[in-house]
Amino acid sequence: MARCGRAALLGAGPLNLKQHNQTLAGLYPSRQNRLTAIPTTERLLRAFNRIVVTTIRFGNTVKRYLTPLSDLQRIIVGLLGCPPDLYDRLTINLGFT
C-alpha cells in the first residue's frame, strides 16, 4: 500500500462501507448512535478535531503530549487501511509521550 487511506478516500478501498454492508456510528455529535454507510469527508475529519498537542518547557527540557485516539478515531484509521499502530508510531517518532 503506497499511502494508507488513498484508495479508501477515492472510494475504492475499505471506507466504501455501503459496498461492504457495513456502517459506522459516532460521527454525529448530537446522535452518537446514528449509523452511516456513507461517511462524508467533513464528518471523518471532524472526528479528529479534538486532538491536542501540549508542549511544556522546563529550562532546556521540552515535553510534548498528544491526545490519545478515541475508539472512533482508531476505527476510522483502520477503515482507511492504515496500520493500527500508525498514530502510536507517529507520536514516538516525533518525540511525544
N, C-alpha and C. Protein backbone atom coordinates (compact mmCIF):
# COMPACT_ATOMS: atom_id res chain seq x y z
N MET A 1 0.86 -1.17 0.00
CA MET A 1 0.00 0.00 0.00
C MET A 1 0.90 1.23 0.00
N ALA A 2 0.84 2.04 -1.05
CA ALA A 2 1.70 3.21 -1.18
C ALA A 2 1.40 4.23 -0.09
N ARG A 3 0.15 4.57 0.07
CA ARG A 3 -0.26 5.51 1.10
C ARG A 3 -1.54 4.98 1.72
N CYS A 4 -1.53 4.82 3.03
CA CYS A 4 -2.76 4.33 3.63
C CYS A 4 -3.84 5.38 3.46
N GLY A 5 -5.02 4.92 3.15
CA GLY A 5 -6.15 5.83 3.02
C GLY A 5 -6.41 6.35 1.63
N ARG A 6 -5.42 6.37 0.76
CA ARG A 6 -5.61 6.96 -0.56
C ARG A 6 -6.71 6.25 -1.35
N ALA A 7 -6.64 4.93 -1.43
CA ALA A 7 -7.66 4.18 -2.18
C ALA A 7 -9.02 4.30 -1.49
N ALA A 8 -9.02 4.29 -0.16
CA ALA A 8 -10.28 4.39 0.57
C ALA A 8 -10.94 5.74 0.33
N LEU A 9 -10.15 6.80 0.34
CA LEU A 9 -10.71 8.13 0.11
C LEU A 9 -11.23 8.29 -1.30
N LEU A 10 -10.68 7.53 -2.23
CA LEU A 10 -11.14 7.60 -3.62
C LEU A 10 -12.33 6.67 -3.87
N GLY A 11 -12.80 6.00 -2.82
CA GLY A 11 -13.97 5.14 -2.95
C GLY A 11 -13.66 3.72 -3.37
N ALA A 12 -12.38 3.40 -3.53
CA ALA A 12 -12.02 2.06 -3.99
C ALA A 12 -11.57 1.16 -2.85
N GLY A 13 -11.48 1.71 -1.65
CA GLY A 13 -10.93 0.93 -0.56
C GLY A 13 -11.96 0.59 0.50
N PRO A 14 -11.47 0.22 1.69
CA PRO A 14 -12.35 -0.28 2.74
C PRO A 14 -13.30 0.76 3.32
N LEU A 15 -13.10 2.06 3.05
CA LEU A 15 -14.01 3.06 3.60
C LEU A 15 -15.32 3.14 2.83
N ASN A 16 -15.40 2.43 1.73
CA ASN A 16 -16.65 2.34 0.99
C ASN A 16 -17.53 1.34 1.74
N LEU A 17 -18.09 1.77 2.86
CA LEU A 17 -18.80 0.89 3.78
C LEU A 17 -20.07 0.30 3.16
N LYS A 18 -20.77 1.09 2.38
CA LYS A 18 -22.02 0.63 1.79
C LYS A 18 -21.80 -0.61 0.92
N GLN A 19 -20.72 -0.57 0.17
CA GLN A 19 -20.39 -1.69 -0.72
C GLN A 19 -20.16 -2.98 0.07
N HIS A 20 -19.70 -2.83 1.32
CA HIS A 20 -19.39 -3.99 2.16
C HIS A 20 -20.46 -4.25 3.22
N ASN A 21 -21.63 -3.59 3.07
CA ASN A 21 -22.74 -3.75 4.02
C ASN A 21 -22.31 -3.47 5.45
N GLN A 22 -21.49 -2.41 5.65
CA GLN A 22 -21.04 -2.00 6.98
C GLN A 22 -21.53 -0.59 7.27
N THR A 23 -21.56 -0.25 8.55
CA THR A 23 -21.92 1.10 8.96
C THR A 23 -20.95 1.58 10.04
N LEU A 24 -20.98 2.87 10.28
CA LEU A 24 -20.10 3.49 11.28
C LEU A 24 -20.96 4.39 12.15
N ALA A 25 -20.79 4.29 13.46
CA ALA A 25 -21.51 5.13 14.41
C ALA A 25 -20.55 6.11 15.06
N GLY A 26 -21.08 7.21 15.58
CA GLY A 26 -20.28 8.16 16.35
C GLY A 26 -19.86 9.40 15.59
N LEU A 27 -20.26 9.54 14.35
CA LEU A 27 -19.85 10.71 13.56
C LEU A 27 -20.78 11.91 13.74
N TYR A 28 -21.91 11.72 14.40
CA TYR A 28 -22.88 12.79 14.61
C TYR A 28 -22.93 13.10 16.11
N PRO A 29 -22.33 14.21 16.53
CA PRO A 29 -22.23 14.51 17.97
C PRO A 29 -23.56 14.49 18.71
N SER A 30 -24.62 14.97 18.10
CA SER A 30 -25.91 15.02 18.79
C SER A 30 -26.63 13.67 18.77
N ARG A 31 -26.17 12.77 17.92
CA ARG A 31 -26.78 11.43 17.81
C ARG A 31 -25.68 10.39 17.67
N GLN A 32 -25.01 10.09 18.75
CA GLN A 32 -23.85 9.20 18.74
C GLN A 32 -24.16 7.80 18.21
N ASN A 33 -25.41 7.37 18.32
CA ASN A 33 -25.78 6.02 17.87
C ASN A 33 -26.22 5.99 16.41
N ARG A 34 -26.29 7.16 15.77
CA ARG A 34 -26.71 7.19 14.37
C ARG A 34 -25.66 6.49 13.51
N LEU A 35 -26.12 5.61 12.64
CA LEU A 35 -25.23 4.84 11.77
C LEU A 35 -25.20 5.45 10.38
N THR A 36 -24.06 5.34 9.72
CA THR A 36 -23.94 5.76 8.33
C THR A 36 -23.06 4.78 7.58
N ALA A 37 -23.44 4.51 6.35
CA ALA A 37 -22.63 3.66 5.48
C ALA A 37 -21.86 4.51 4.48
N ILE A 38 -22.18 5.82 4.45
CA ILE A 38 -21.52 6.73 3.51
C ILE A 38 -21.05 7.96 4.29
N PRO A 39 -19.97 7.84 5.06
CA PRO A 39 -19.49 8.99 5.83
C PRO A 39 -18.89 10.06 4.91
N THR A 40 -19.18 11.31 5.20
CA THR A 40 -18.59 12.39 4.41
C THR A 40 -17.18 12.67 4.92
N THR A 41 -16.38 13.25 4.07
CA THR A 41 -15.01 13.61 4.45
C THR A 41 -15.05 14.59 5.62
N GLU A 42 -15.99 15.53 5.58
CA GLU A 42 -16.12 16.51 6.67
C GLU A 42 -16.38 15.82 8.01
N ARG A 43 -17.29 14.86 8.03
CA ARG A 43 -17.59 14.14 9.28
C ARG A 43 -16.38 13.35 9.76
N LEU A 44 -15.67 12.73 8.84
CA LEU A 44 -14.48 11.97 9.22
C LEU A 44 -13.41 12.89 9.81
N LEU A 45 -13.21 14.04 9.18
CA LEU A 45 -12.21 14.99 9.70
C LEU A 45 -12.63 15.57 11.05
N ARG A 46 -13.90 15.85 11.20
CA ARG A 46 -14.40 16.38 12.49
C ARG A 46 -14.18 15.40 13.63
N ALA A 47 -14.16 14.12 13.31
CA ALA A 47 -13.92 13.11 14.35
C ALA A 47 -12.53 13.27 14.97
N PHE A 48 -11.64 13.98 14.27
CA PHE A 48 -10.27 14.18 14.75
C PHE A 48 -10.01 15.58 15.28
N ASN A 49 -11.05 16.41 15.41
CA ASN A 49 -10.83 17.80 15.78
C ASN A 49 -10.46 18.02 17.24
N ARG A 50 -10.53 17.02 18.05
CA ARG A 50 -10.20 17.18 19.47
C ARG A 50 -8.78 16.70 19.82
N ILE A 51 -7.97 16.47 18.83
CA ILE A 51 -6.58 16.09 19.09
C ILE A 51 -5.81 17.35 19.45
N VAL A 52 -5.12 17.29 20.58
CA VAL A 52 -4.41 18.46 21.09
C VAL A 52 -2.95 18.10 21.35
N VAL A 53 -2.07 18.99 20.96
CA VAL A 53 -0.65 18.86 21.28
C VAL A 53 -0.34 19.87 22.38
N THR A 54 0.22 19.40 23.48
CA THR A 54 0.62 20.27 24.58
C THR A 54 2.14 20.23 24.70
N THR A 55 2.77 21.39 24.71
CA THR A 55 4.22 21.47 24.87
C THR A 55 4.52 22.18 26.18
N ILE A 56 5.36 21.54 27.00
CA ILE A 56 5.76 22.11 28.28
C ILE A 56 7.27 22.23 28.28
N ARG A 57 7.76 23.41 28.63
CA ARG A 57 9.21 23.66 28.67
C ARG A 57 9.65 23.92 30.11
N PHE A 58 10.68 23.19 30.53
CA PHE A 58 11.32 23.37 31.83
C PHE A 58 12.79 23.63 31.56
N GLY A 59 13.16 24.89 31.49
CA GLY A 59 14.55 25.21 31.15
C GLY A 59 14.88 24.70 29.76
N ASN A 60 15.87 23.78 29.68
CA ASN A 60 16.26 23.21 28.40
C ASN A 60 15.49 21.93 28.05
N THR A 61 14.59 21.52 28.92
CA THR A 61 13.82 20.30 28.69
C THR A 61 12.47 20.64 28.09
N VAL A 62 12.12 19.90 27.05
CA VAL A 62 10.83 20.09 26.40
C VAL A 62 10.08 18.76 26.42
N LYS A 63 8.85 18.78 26.91
CA LYS A 63 7.99 17.60 26.92
C LYS A 63 6.78 17.90 26.06
N ARG A 64 6.40 16.94 25.22
CA ARG A 64 5.21 17.11 24.37
C ARG A 64 4.24 15.97 24.67
N TYR A 65 2.99 16.32 24.75
CA TYR A 65 1.94 15.34 24.99
C TYR A 65 0.90 15.46 23.88
N LEU A 66 0.45 14.33 23.39
CA LEU A 66 -0.51 14.28 22.31
C LEU A 66 -1.72 13.48 22.78
N THR A 67 -2.91 14.03 22.55
CA THR A 67 -4.14 13.37 22.94
C THR A 67 -4.20 11.97 22.33
N PRO A 68 -4.50 10.94 23.12
CA PRO A 68 -4.65 9.60 22.55
C PRO A 68 -5.88 9.54 21.63
N LEU A 69 -5.86 8.64 20.68
CA LEU A 69 -7.00 8.47 19.78
C LEU A 69 -8.17 7.83 20.53
N SER A 70 -9.37 8.28 20.20
CA SER A 70 -10.58 7.66 20.74
C SER A 70 -10.84 6.35 19.99
N ASP A 71 -11.78 5.59 20.48
CA ASP A 71 -12.14 4.33 19.80
C ASP A 71 -12.62 4.62 18.38
N LEU A 72 -13.45 5.66 18.21
CA LEU A 72 -13.94 6.01 16.89
C LEU A 72 -12.79 6.38 15.95
N GLN A 73 -11.85 7.16 16.45
CA GLN A 73 -10.71 7.57 15.62
C GLN A 73 -9.88 6.35 15.21
N ARG A 74 -9.69 5.42 16.11
CA ARG A 74 -8.93 4.20 15.78
C ARG A 74 -9.67 3.38 14.73
N ILE A 75 -10.99 3.32 14.82
CA ILE A 75 -11.78 2.60 13.81
C ILE A 75 -11.61 3.25 12.45
N ILE A 76 -11.67 4.59 12.41
CA ILE A 76 -11.54 5.30 11.14
C ILE A 76 -10.16 5.06 10.53
N VAL A 77 -9.12 5.12 11.35
CA VAL A 77 -7.76 4.87 10.87
C VAL A 77 -7.70 3.47 10.25
N GLY A 78 -8.31 2.50 10.90
CA GLY A 78 -8.33 1.14 10.37
C GLY A 78 -9.12 1.03 9.07
N LEU A 79 -10.26 1.72 9.01
CA LEU A 79 -11.08 1.69 7.79
C LEU A 79 -10.35 2.32 6.61
N LEU A 80 -9.47 3.24 6.90
CA LEU A 80 -8.68 3.87 5.83
C LEU A 80 -7.55 2.97 5.35
N GLY A 81 -7.42 1.82 5.98
CA GLY A 81 -6.40 0.87 5.56
C GLY A 81 -5.03 1.15 6.14
N CYS A 82 -4.99 1.99 7.16
CA CYS A 82 -3.71 2.31 7.81
C CYS A 82 -3.43 1.28 8.91
N PRO A 83 -2.15 1.05 9.20
CA PRO A 83 -1.83 0.12 10.29
C PRO A 83 -2.38 0.64 11.61
N PRO A 84 -2.86 -0.24 12.49
CA PRO A 84 -3.47 0.20 13.74
C PRO A 84 -2.52 0.99 14.64
N ASP A 85 -1.22 0.77 14.51
CA ASP A 85 -0.27 1.47 15.38
C ASP A 85 0.32 2.73 14.71
N LEU A 86 -0.26 3.17 13.62
CA LEU A 86 0.26 4.33 12.89
C LEU A 86 0.39 5.56 13.78
N TYR A 87 -0.65 5.89 14.50
CA TYR A 87 -0.66 7.08 15.36
C TYR A 87 0.35 6.93 16.49
N ASP A 88 0.42 5.74 17.07
CA ASP A 88 1.37 5.49 18.16
C ASP A 88 2.81 5.65 17.67
N ARG A 89 3.09 5.14 16.46
CA ARG A 89 4.44 5.28 15.91
C ARG A 89 4.74 6.74 15.61
N LEU A 90 3.75 7.47 15.14
CA LEU A 90 3.93 8.90 14.86
C LEU A 90 4.31 9.64 16.13
N THR A 91 3.60 9.36 17.23
CA THR A 91 3.90 10.07 18.47
C THR A 91 5.30 9.74 18.99
N ILE A 92 5.72 8.49 18.82
CA ILE A 92 7.06 8.10 19.26
C ILE A 92 8.12 8.75 18.38
N ASN A 93 7.94 8.70 17.07
CA ASN A 93 8.93 9.25 16.13
C ASN A 93 9.07 10.77 16.26
N LEU A 94 8.02 11.44 16.67
CA LEU A 94 8.09 12.90 16.82
C LEU A 94 8.46 13.33 18.24
N GLY A 95 8.72 12.37 19.11
CA GLY A 95 9.15 12.69 20.46
C GLY A 95 8.03 13.02 21.42
N PHE A 96 6.81 12.58 21.13
CA PHE A 96 5.70 12.81 22.04
C PHE A 96 5.66 11.69 23.06
N THR A 97 5.04 11.99 24.20
CA THR A 97 4.89 10.94 25.22
C THR A 97 3.42 10.71 25.49
